Amino acid sequence: MHTAKPVLVRVFSPLGLYPRHPIEIPGARLLVSDELIVSAIHVEPPEAHGLVHSFKLNFLRLEETRFLAAIALAVHPDDGMAFTYPLYGYVDVDSGLDDDALIEAAQQLAARISGWWGRSAVLPPESGGPPYQWREGGVNVDRVLNIVSTVRLNDHLLMRGLGALLQADMCWRHREIEGVAVLLEPTKTKLVEFGRFAQQQASRRKADGPGPRRLRRSSRRHGGEQAFRQTSR
């Protein structure tokens, strides 16, 4: 009997730089409003992917790391940047809930986070925090999907790099630890190249049309890891 994957809901700090529009791909959503930004992502137990956590940001699940990193990589550095700042704490909800139900769950979560952390966290406007900052150019949702589709969650090297990417963007927001972001910049540069690779792979798939099922599955299995290793040399 097939069991639906649980949905993990998380809220975001104004310390990020976000698109004003929602992002929705199969298995993951980013809901956006002036008061509260929320992610809702289908997740599996970590052992399903052979990994226990997402390395650099071990409070995030692997599926979250992949989705949030894809949002950052979907914007080429020449076009500015977008990045998220997820807050510690989450809530599991049933699969199939509509946006209103997800936002209600996120509002309750935000209230609990406010009680946990108080002034030690930069809370969303919903909880009395400052306004969100927006990337007016938005984020290309097709690029997010292409990157997510290319990344395998059991690819240890690539997932470690994606965790470092998220950590670098978050460190830039704190003067006391912004030097850590500089140390992680080489990894970020390599991952930008991976983002280009994912886009090229998607363009080739569209140009080639449907091919043998075995070949397509093999390409997904090995392409992402090879691209990241090549740019790491």
Protein backbone atom coordinates (compact mmCIF):
# COMPACT_ATOMS: atom_id res chain seq x y z
CA MET A 1 0.00 0.00 0.00
CA HIS A 2 1.41 3.40 -1.02
CA THR A 3 1.75 5.90 1.82
CA ALA A 4 1.85 9.61 1.03
CA LYS A 5 5.01 11.40 2.06
CA PRO A 6 4.55 13.76 5.02
CA VAL A 7 4.80 17.48 4.37
CA LEU A 8 7.25 19.53 6.41
CA VAL A 9 6.28 23.18 6.93
CA ARG A 10 8.89 25.81 7.83
CA VAL A 11 8.86 29.62 8.14
CA PHE A 12 11.51 32.10 7.01
CA SER A 13 13.32 35.08 8.46
CA PRO A 14 13.41 38.53 6.80
CA LEU A 15 17.20 38.11 6.59
CA GLY A 16 16.79 36.42 3.20
CA LEU A 17 16.18 37.97 -0.23
CA TYR A 18 13.01 36.49 -1.70
CA PRO A 19 10.94 36.55 -4.89
CA ARG A 20 7.58 38.25 -4.51
CA HIS A 21 5.89 35.34 -6.26
CA PRO A 22 5.27 31.80 -5.02
CA ILE A 23 7.32 28.88 -6.30
CA GLU A 24 5.66 25.52 -6.80
CA ILE A 25 7.17 22.38 -8.25
CA PRO A 26 6.22 18.72 -7.68
CA GLY A 27 6.79 17.96 -4.00
CA ALA A 28 7.74 21.48 -2.87
CA ARG A 29 6.13 24.89 -2.46
CA LEU A 30 7.27 28.32 -1.33
CA LEU A 31 4.29 30.43 -0.29
CA VAL A 32 4.96 34.16 -0.24
CA SER A 33 3.16 37.06 1.46
CA ASP A 34 4.20 40.33 3.08
CA GLU A 35 3.63 38.88 6.55
CA LEU A 36 4.93 35.33 6.27
CA ILE A 37 6.99 33.20 3.87
CA VAL A 38 6.41 29.48 4.19
CA SER A 39 7.84 26.33 2.62
CA ALA A 40 5.91 23.09 2.38
CA ILE A 41 8.01 20.16 1.19
CA HIS A 42 7.34 16.44 0.91
CA VAL A 43 10.04 14.58 2.83
CA GLU A 44 11.14 11.01 3.45
CA PRO A 45 13.06 9.57 6.40
CA PRO A 46 16.77 10.42 6.05
CA GLU A 47 17.69 6.74 5.94
CA ALA A 48 15.77 6.49 2.67
CA HIS A 49 18.60 8.50 1.09
CA GLY A 50 21.49 6.93 2.97
CA LEU A 51 22.25 10.21 4.75
CA VAL A 52 21.42 11.37 8.25
CA HIS A 53 21.41 15.13 7.72
CA SER A 54 22.29 17.86 5.23
CA PHE A 55 25.84 18.43 6.48
CA LYS A 56 26.36 22.18 6.86
CA LEU A 57 22.78 22.92 7.91
CA ASN A 58 21.82 19.86 9.86
CA PHE A 59 18.48 21.26 11.00
CA LEU A 60 17.22 21.04 7.42
CA ARG A 61 16.01 17.87 5.78
CA LEU A 62 17.68 16.85 2.54
CA GLU A 63 14.64 17.70 0.43
CA GLU A 64 14.63 21.19 1.95
CA THR A 65 18.33 21.70 1.25
CA ARG A 66 17.85 20.75 -2.39
CA PHE A 67 14.81 22.99 -2.94
CA LEU A 68 16.20 26.06 -1.18
CA ALA A 69 19.58 25.73 -2.89
CA ALA A 70 17.82 25.41 -6.25
CA ILE A 71 16.11 28.76 -5.62
CA ALA A 72 19.52 30.37 -5.06
CA LEU A 73 21.14 28.68 -8.06
CA ALA A 74 18.25 29.59 -10.36
CA VAL A 75 19.53 33.19 -10.36
CA HIS A 76 22.80 33.71 -12.21
CA PRO A 77 25.28 35.95 -10.32
CA ASP A 78 25.26 38.40 -13.21
CA ASP A 79 21.54 38.93 -12.52
CA GLY A 80 21.85 39.56 -8.79
CA MET A 81 20.85 36.97 -6.22
CA ALA A 82 18.04 35.34 -4.30
CA PHE A 83 18.44 33.36 -1.11
CA THR A 84 16.34 32.11 1.75
CA TYR A 85 16.89 32.20 5.49
CA PRO A 86 15.01 29.26 7.05
CA LEU A 87 14.29 29.43 10.77
CA TYR A 88 14.89 26.59 13.18
CA GLY A 89 11.74 24.62 13.94
CA TYR A 90 9.12 22.98 11.75
CA VAL A 91 5.77 21.24 11.84
CA ASP A 92 4.63 18.11 10.00
CA VAL A 93 1.23 18.24 8.32
CA ASP A 94 -0.84 15.86 6.23
CA SER A 95 -0.29 15.69 2.50
CA GLY A 96 -2.90 17.37 0.32
CA LEU A 97 -3.57 20.50 2.41
CA ASP A 98 -4.40 23.67 0.49
CA ASP A 99 -2.43 26.91 0.84
CA ASP A 100 -4.76 28.38 3.47
CA ALA A 101 -4.35 25.34 5.73
CA LEU A 102 -0.57 25.40 5.28
CA ILE A 103 -0.41 29.10 6.16
CA GLU A 104 -2.54 28.51 9.26
CA ALA A 105 -0.12 25.78 10.39
CA ALA A 106 2.82 28.09 9.65
CA GLN A 107 1.27 30.94 11.68
CA GLN A 108 1.01 28.64 14.68
CA LEU A 109 4.61 27.56 14.15
CA ALA A 110 5.79 31.19 13.92
CA ALA A 111 4.09 31.95 17.24
CA ARG A 112 5.90 29.02 18.88
CA ILE A 113 9.26 30.07 17.42
CA SER A 114 8.72 33.56 18.81
CA GLY A 115 8.23 32.04 22.24
CA TRP A 116 11.29 29.80 21.90
CA TRP A 117 13.80 32.35 20.64
CA GLY A 118 12.38 35.77 21.46
CA ARG A 119 14.81 38.50 20.41
CA SER A 120 17.61 36.09 19.55
CA ALA A 121 16.07 35.41 16.11
CA VAL A 122 15.00 37.82 13.37
CA LEU A 123 11.36 36.81 13.18
CA PRO A 124 8.94 37.26 10.27
CA PRO A 125 6.62 40.29 10.18
CA GLU A 126 3.80 37.96 11.28
CA SER A 127 5.61 37.72 14.64
CA GLY A 128 6.60 41.38 14.92
CA GLY A 129 9.80 41.24 12.88
CA PRO A 130 11.00 43.65 10.16
CA PRO A 131 9.66 43.58 6.59
CA TYR A 132 10.84 40.97 4.12
CA GLN A 133 13.33 42.00 1.46
CA TRP A 134 12.37 41.26 -2.13
CA ARG A 135 14.17 40.36 -5.32
CA GLU A 136 12.12 42.34 -7.82
CA GLY A 137 13.37 40.29 -10.76
CA GLY A 138 11.81 37.14 -9.34
CA VAL A 139 13.11 33.60 -9.77
CA ASN A 140 12.68 31.41 -12.84
CA VAL A 141 10.56 28.49 -11.62
CA ASP A 142 11.56 26.28 -14.56
CA ARG A 143 15.21 26.63 -13.54
CA VAL A 144 14.36 25.65 -9.97
CA LEU A 145 12.62 22.54 -11.28
CA ASN A 146 15.53 21.65 -13.57
CA ILE A 147 18.04 21.84 -10.71
CA VAL A 148 15.86 19.86 -8.30
CA SER A 149 15.30 17.20 -10.96
CA THR A 150 19.06 16.85 -11.52
CA VAL A 151 20.13 16.58 -7.88
CA ARG A 152 20.10 13.11 -6.27
CA LEU A 153 19.57 13.24 -2.52
CA ASN A 154 22.01 10.36 -1.96
CA ASP A 155 24.82 12.17 -3.79
CA HIS A 156 27.00 12.88 -0.74
CA LEU A 157 29.38 15.33 -2.37
CA LEU A 158 26.75 17.42 -4.08
CA MET A 159 24.46 17.62 -1.04
CA ARG A 160 27.40 18.75 1.09
CA GLY A 161 28.07 21.51 -1.41
CA LEU A 162 24.44 22.62 -1.45
CA GLY A 163 24.44 22.82 2.33
CA ALA A 164 27.57 24.99 2.17
CA LEU A 165 25.88 27.25 -0.37
CA LEU A 166 22.94 27.90 1.95
CA GLN A 167 25.23 28.47 4.89
CA ALA A 168 27.34 31.00 2.95
CA ASP A 169 24.31 33.07 1.99
CA MET A 170 23.07 33.07 5.59
CA CYS A 171 26.49 34.04 7.00
CA TRP A 172 26.63 37.13 4.79
CA ARG A 173 23.78 38.56 6.88
CA HIS A 174 25.88 38.64 10.08
CA ARG A 175 28.91 40.91 10.26
CA GLU A 176 30.47 38.84 13.04
CA ILE A 177 30.64 35.69 10.90
CA GLU A 178 30.59 37.04 7.35
CA GLY A 179 34.18 35.80 6.94
CA VAL A 180 32.82 32.25 6.88
CA ALA A 181 30.95 33.14 3.70
CA VAL A 182 34.24 34.16 2.07
CA LEU A 183 35.74 30.78 2.93
CA LEU A 184 32.77 29.06 1.30
CA GLU A 185 32.85 31.20 -1.85
CA PRO A 186 34.86 28.65 -3.95
CA THR A 187 32.19 26.02 -3.28
CA LYS A 188 29.48 28.50 -4.22
CA THR A 189 31.24 29.27 -7.50
CA LYS A 190 31.42 25.58 -8.36
CA LEU A 191 27.74 25.18 -7.62
CA VAL A 192 26.86 28.06 -9.94
CA GLU A 193 28.57 26.03 -12.67
CA PHE A 194 26.46 23.05 -11.63
CA GLY A 195 23.34 25.21 -12.00
CA ARG A 196 24.38 25.99 -15.57
CA PHE A 197 24.93 22.29 -16.19
CA ALA A 198 21.42 21.47 -14.94
CA GLN A 199 19.95 24.08 -17.28
CA GLN A 200 21.95 22.70 -20.22
CA GLN A 201 20.78 19.17 -19.44
CA ALA A 202 17.16 20.33 -19.38
CA SER A 203 17.57 22.09 -22.72
CA ARG A 204 19.09 18.97 -24.25
CA ARG A 205 16.27 16.80 -22.98
CA LYS A 206 13.73 19.13 -24.56
CA ALA A 207 15.66 19.21 -27.83
CA ASP A 208 16.16 15.45 -28.00
CA GLY A 209 12.60 14.55 -27.06
CA PRO A 210 11.70 11.37 -25.17
CA GLY A 211 14.37 8.70 -25.34
CA PRO A 212 14.87 5.20 -24.00
CA ARG A 213 13.78 5.00 -20.39
CA ARG A 214 17.01 3.30 -19.28
CA LEU A 215 19.16 6.01 -20.83
CA ARG A 216 17.19 8.86 -19.22
CA ARG A 217 17.40 7.24 -15.80
CA SER A 218 21.16 6.66 -16.16
CA SER A 219 21.70 10.29 -17.17
CA ARG A 220 19.92 11.57 -14.07
CA ARG A 221 21.85 9.18 -11.88
CA HIS A 222 25.34 10.24 -12.93
CA GLY A 223 25.06 13.70 -14.47
CA GLY A 224 24.88 15.89 -11.36
CA GLU A 225 27.76 14.23 -9.52
CA GLN A 226 30.00 14.31 -12.59
CA ALA A 227 29.31 18.00 -13.20
CA PHE A 228 30.10 18.98 -9.62
CA ARG A 229 33.25 16.86 -9.53
CA GLN A 230 34.47 18.37 -12.81
CA THR A 231 34.04 21.94 -11.54
CA SER A 232 35.79 20.93 -8.29
CA ARG A 233 39.06 20.17 -10.04
